[in-house]
Amino acid sequence: MDLKKAAFFLLAALVLAFTGTKSARADGKIKIDIPVKLKKADVVFDLSHPSFFGDMPVGLKYMDMLENSLRAMGTRGHVVGLFYGKGAYMALNDKAYDSFRKISTGNPYKGMIGGLIKKGARLEECAVSMKANKWGNADLLPGVKVDSGAVSRLVQLVHQGYVVMEP
C-alpha cells in the first residue's frame, strides 16, 4: 500500500473516532479488517481555512490525533501544519489575536498549538499572510516558525513526499 493510501485510511479512521461514529456490530465492538501499520509518514496539514466541529478546530484536533497515533505505532516521520490565508490568525499570541479578532479572550488555540509543538509537530505561519495583516514574528505563539510563503512551502513538502491533509 502506498503512503498516500495509508494516510487516507488513517485519516478516515481518525475521522470516525473523532466524530463518535458507532460500530455497525450490535455489541458495539469494532472488528478491524484492514490493520494499518505505517513505517514512515510525512504529513502536512493545510490550515488555510478555519474548520470547526463545534468550537473544536478540526485541523488541530486531527493533527493531535495523528501525532498520538503515529507515536503509538512507532511510526517515523513528521507532521507539519501550515497556517495561512483565512486560518493565519490561529497562530497569533493573545495580544495580536485579540486585536485581530476584536475581542479580549486571548487565543483559545494556544494550548493545542503548544501541545502539538511539544509532541514534535512543526507549525508554520506564512510570511505573505503576516505581511498582508501587518504582523511580525513577535505576534506569533512561541514555537511557531515562519516560512517565506505557505503555498510554495506546500509544494516543497509535496515534492519531498509529504501527504497533504485538508481538514
Protein backbone atom coordinates (compact mmCIF):
# COMPACT_ATOMS: atom_id res chain seq x y z
CA MET A 1 0.00 0.00 0.00
CA ASP A 2 1.47 3.37 -0.92
CA LEU A 3 1.89 6.17 1.60
CA LYS A 4 -0.98 8.28 0.24
CA LYS A 5 -3.49 5.43 0.54
CA ALA A 6 -2.25 4.53 4.00
CA ALA A 7 -2.52 8.15 5.13
CA PHE A 8 -6.04 8.34 3.71
CA PHE A 9 -7.12 5.23 5.61
CA LEU A 10 -5.50 6.53 8.78
CA LEU A 11 -7.29 9.87 8.45
CA ALA A 12 -10.59 8.09 7.77
CA ALA A 13 -10.13 6.06 10.96
CA LEU A 14 -9.33 9.24 12.87
CA VAL A 15 -12.42 10.95 11.48
CA LEU A 16 -14.59 8.05 12.61
CA ALA A 17 -13.03 8.09 16.06
CA PHE A 18 -13.36 11.87 16.36
CA THR A 19 -16.97 12.05 15.26
CA GLY A 20 -18.05 9.23 17.53
CA THR A 21 -19.50 7.04 14.78
CA LYS A 22 -20.92 3.87 16.29
CA SER A 23 -19.92 0.42 15.20
CA ALA A 24 -22.27 -1.49 12.94
CA ARG A 25 -21.91 -4.51 15.26
CA ALA A 26 -24.69 -4.91 17.79
CA ASP A 27 -22.25 -5.39 20.69
CA GLY A 28 -20.51 -2.06 19.97
CA LYS A 29 -17.14 -3.73 19.41
CA ILE A 30 -15.11 -2.99 16.31
CA LYS A 31 -13.57 -5.76 14.21
CA ILE A 32 -10.57 -4.47 12.27
CA ASP A 33 -10.49 -5.94 8.78
CA ILE A 34 -7.57 -3.92 7.47
CA PRO A 35 -4.96 -3.13 10.11
CA VAL A 36 -2.85 -0.09 9.27
CA LYS A 37 0.78 -0.02 10.36
CA LEU A 38 2.92 2.74 8.91
CA LYS A 39 6.71 2.57 9.00
CA LYS A 40 7.03 6.19 7.87
CA ALA A 41 4.56 9.02 7.43
CA ASP A 42 5.26 12.62 6.49
CA VAL A 43 2.03 14.62 6.60
CA VAL A 44 1.33 18.32 6.08
CA PHE A 45 -1.95 19.87 7.20
CA ASP A 46 -3.26 22.76 5.11
CA LEU A 47 -4.67 25.10 7.77
CA SER A 48 -5.59 27.89 5.36
CA HIS A 49 -9.24 27.90 6.31
CA PRO A 50 -10.78 27.56 9.75
CA SER A 51 -12.86 24.40 10.05
CA PHE A 52 -14.65 23.61 13.30
CA PHE A 53 -16.60 20.81 14.92
CA GLY A 54 -18.50 22.94 17.41
CA ASP A 55 -15.74 25.06 18.95
CA MET A 56 -13.02 22.48 18.22
CA PRO A 57 -10.66 23.35 15.35
CA VAL A 58 -10.77 20.20 13.24
CA GLY A 59 -7.30 20.60 11.69
CA LEU A 60 -5.57 20.98 15.05
CA LYS A 61 -7.58 18.09 16.52
CA TYR A 62 -6.69 15.80 13.61
CA MET A 63 -3.04 16.81 13.88
CA ASP A 64 -3.09 15.87 17.55
CA MET A 65 -4.84 12.56 16.89
CA LEU A 66 -2.38 11.74 14.10
CA GLU A 67 0.63 12.62 16.28
CA ASN A 68 -0.71 10.31 19.00
CA SER A 69 -1.48 7.52 16.54
CA LEU A 70 1.91 7.69 14.82
CA ARG A 71 3.68 7.70 18.17
CA ALA A 72 1.65 4.67 19.35
CA MET A 73 2.55 2.77 16.16
CA GLY A 74 6.22 3.72 16.39
CA THR A 75 6.00 5.40 13.00
CA ARG A 76 8.87 7.60 11.83
CA GLY A 77 8.05 10.85 10.10
CA HIS A 78 6.86 14.38 10.59
CA VAL A 79 3.60 16.24 10.98
CA VAL A 80 3.58 19.86 9.78
CA GLY A 81 0.78 22.41 9.99
CA LEU A 82 0.73 25.44 7.68
CA PHE A 83 -1.26 28.46 8.85
CA TYR A 84 -2.08 30.92 6.06
CA GLY A 85 -4.92 32.75 4.38
CA LYS A 86 -8.11 32.86 6.45
CA GLY A 87 -6.61 30.47 9.02
CA ALA A 88 -3.44 32.51 9.64
CA TYR A 89 -4.84 34.22 12.75
CA MET A 90 -4.95 30.94 14.68
CA ALA A 91 -1.18 31.07 15.35
CA LEU A 92 -1.24 34.56 16.91
CA ASN A 93 -0.35 35.28 20.52
CA ASP A 94 -3.07 36.58 22.85
CA LYS A 95 -2.48 40.29 22.24
CA ALA A 96 -2.34 40.01 18.44
CA TYR A 97 -5.24 37.54 18.40
CA ASP A 98 -7.45 39.89 20.43
CA SER A 99 -6.56 42.83 18.21
CA PHE A 100 -7.24 40.91 15.00
CA ARG A 101 -10.49 39.33 16.21
CA LYS A 102 -11.60 42.46 18.09
CA ILE A 103 -12.16 40.55 21.33
CA SER A 104 -10.43 40.25 24.69
CA THR A 105 -10.34 36.50 25.37
CA GLY A 106 -6.86 35.61 24.15
CA ASN A 107 -6.10 32.86 21.67
CA PRO A 108 -8.18 29.81 22.62
CA TYR A 109 -5.99 27.55 20.43
CA LYS A 110 -2.66 28.36 22.09
CA GLY A 111 -2.84 25.29 24.35
CA MET A 112 -3.46 22.93 21.45
CA ILE A 113 -0.73 24.55 19.38
CA GLY A 114 1.75 24.45 22.25
CA GLY A 115 0.87 20.81 22.92
CA LEU A 116 1.42 19.88 19.28
CA ILE A 117 4.81 21.59 19.26
CA LYS A 118 5.80 19.69 22.43
CA LYS A 119 4.83 16.42 20.73
CA GLY A 120 7.11 17.24 17.81
CA ALA A 121 4.73 18.72 15.24
CA ARG A 122 6.06 21.67 13.27
CA LEU A 123 3.69 24.59 12.99
CA GLU A 124 4.44 27.30 10.46
CA GLU A 125 2.99 30.72 9.71
CA CYS A 126 3.08 32.19 6.21
CA ALA A 127 5.15 35.39 5.83
CA VAL A 128 2.85 36.51 3.00
CA SER A 129 -0.18 36.32 5.31
CA MET A 130 1.80 38.06 8.03
CA LYS A 131 2.75 40.92 5.71
CA ALA A 132 -0.85 41.30 4.47
CA ASN A 133 -2.05 41.59 8.09
CA LYS A 134 0.90 43.71 9.31
CA TRP A 135 2.01 41.06 11.83
CA GLY A 136 5.57 40.45 12.93
CA ASN A 137 7.33 37.47 14.47
CA ALA A 138 6.59 38.88 17.94
CA ASP A 139 2.86 38.47 17.22
CA LEU A 140 3.12 34.67 16.98
CA LEU A 141 2.77 31.99 19.61
CA PRO A 142 6.04 30.56 20.96
CA GLY A 143 7.46 27.80 18.78
CA VAL A 144 5.58 28.75 15.60
CA LYS A 145 8.07 29.12 12.75
CA VAL A 146 7.71 31.49 9.78
CA ASP A 147 8.03 30.22 6.23
CA SER A 148 8.56 32.52 3.25
CA GLY A 149 5.22 31.54 1.71
CA ALA A 150 2.82 28.74 2.59
CA VAL A 151 1.74 27.87 -0.95
CA SER A 152 5.35 27.43 -2.07
CA ARG A 153 6.10 25.58 1.16
CA LEU A 154 3.21 23.22 0.48
CA VAL A 155 4.61 22.48 -2.98
CA GLN A 156 8.07 21.97 -1.48
CA LEU A 157 6.78 19.48 1.09
CA VAL A 158 4.77 17.56 -1.52
CA HIS A 159 7.94 17.23 -3.62
CA GLN A 160 9.64 15.85 -0.51
CA GLY A 161 6.96 13.14 -0.27
CA TYR A 162 4.56 14.65 2.25
CA VAL A 163 0.89 13.77 2.05
CA VAL A 164 -1.44 16.80 2.23
CA MET A 165 -4.45 16.78 4.56
CA GLU A 166 -7.14 19.44 4.22
CA PRO A 167 -9.46 19.22 7.18
